[in-house]
Amino acid sequence: PIENSTAEALLQYQVDGCLITSVELPSHVAAICTSNGVPVVMVNRVARMNSSAVTCDNLFGAAQLAQLLLDQGHRRFAVVRTSTSSSTAQERERGFLERVVEAGCESPTLFDGRSTYEGGYEMAQQIAALPAGKRPTAVFAVSDIMAFGVLDAFRMRGLRVPQDISVVGFDGLQAAARPCYELTTVEQPLSAMVERALGMLQARIGHPSLPDETVSLRGTLIVRKSSGPAPSRSR
């Protein structure tokens, strides 16, 4: 796999195919590969053109998290998002917002966590500073990394999780299970995603005329302390 590649770097390689895991890949890289007869399969991002892709079902996973919180009675939400062009983050944000609005709630307040721990921490400081009556009762961070920053900031501000505010993330990082976080999250099926992507790439190396395709695999909802217990009627 070639991570975080640029078009110039790719031209230096003699490759049969590219498995790309970069979140911020310039759009013209896949086009350059295609023009040189090199098949491309992206992992964990949606292919917009000139490539195939294997991704987690971000829309469904985010909707699951929203439903979990709705079933617990939450009606005021915030989303710690990212302003980057990542299709993964955009789908997670959209999946959560659509389910919340569909349930009759106001659209969540959006905070830009910049895809970093520090960004999540800063945005949580802003959330914690809101008056209790206007503060969201549940926060969805579109990545576990930002959720860790959110949880640490709430702890520093004296907010109890989940008693005062619930927090959920997305990715299923190992650190999410640590006692200091106990983060409710959707775990991505990474092994299955990579295995499927390799199979798609090998097929296209052998048969270059195969059409592009995008495969979406569902993750696993893991409920931990940060969101409170899962209601028996949650979906």
Foldseek 3Di string as FASTA:
>chain_A
DDEPDALVVVVVDDDLEEEYAYQDYPLCNLVSCVVVLHAYEYEQACNPDNYAYEHAQLLVFLLLVLLQLVVVPFQAEEEAAAPDPGRSRVNNLVSNQVNNVVVVGDGYHYAHLNPALVSLLVVLLVLLPDPLVNRGQEYEYAAVRSQNSNLVNCVVSPHDANVSHAYAYEAPDPCCCDPSHQHWYWHGPVVVRVVVRVVVSVVCSVPVVDDHYYHYHYTHTDDTRRHHDGDPPRD
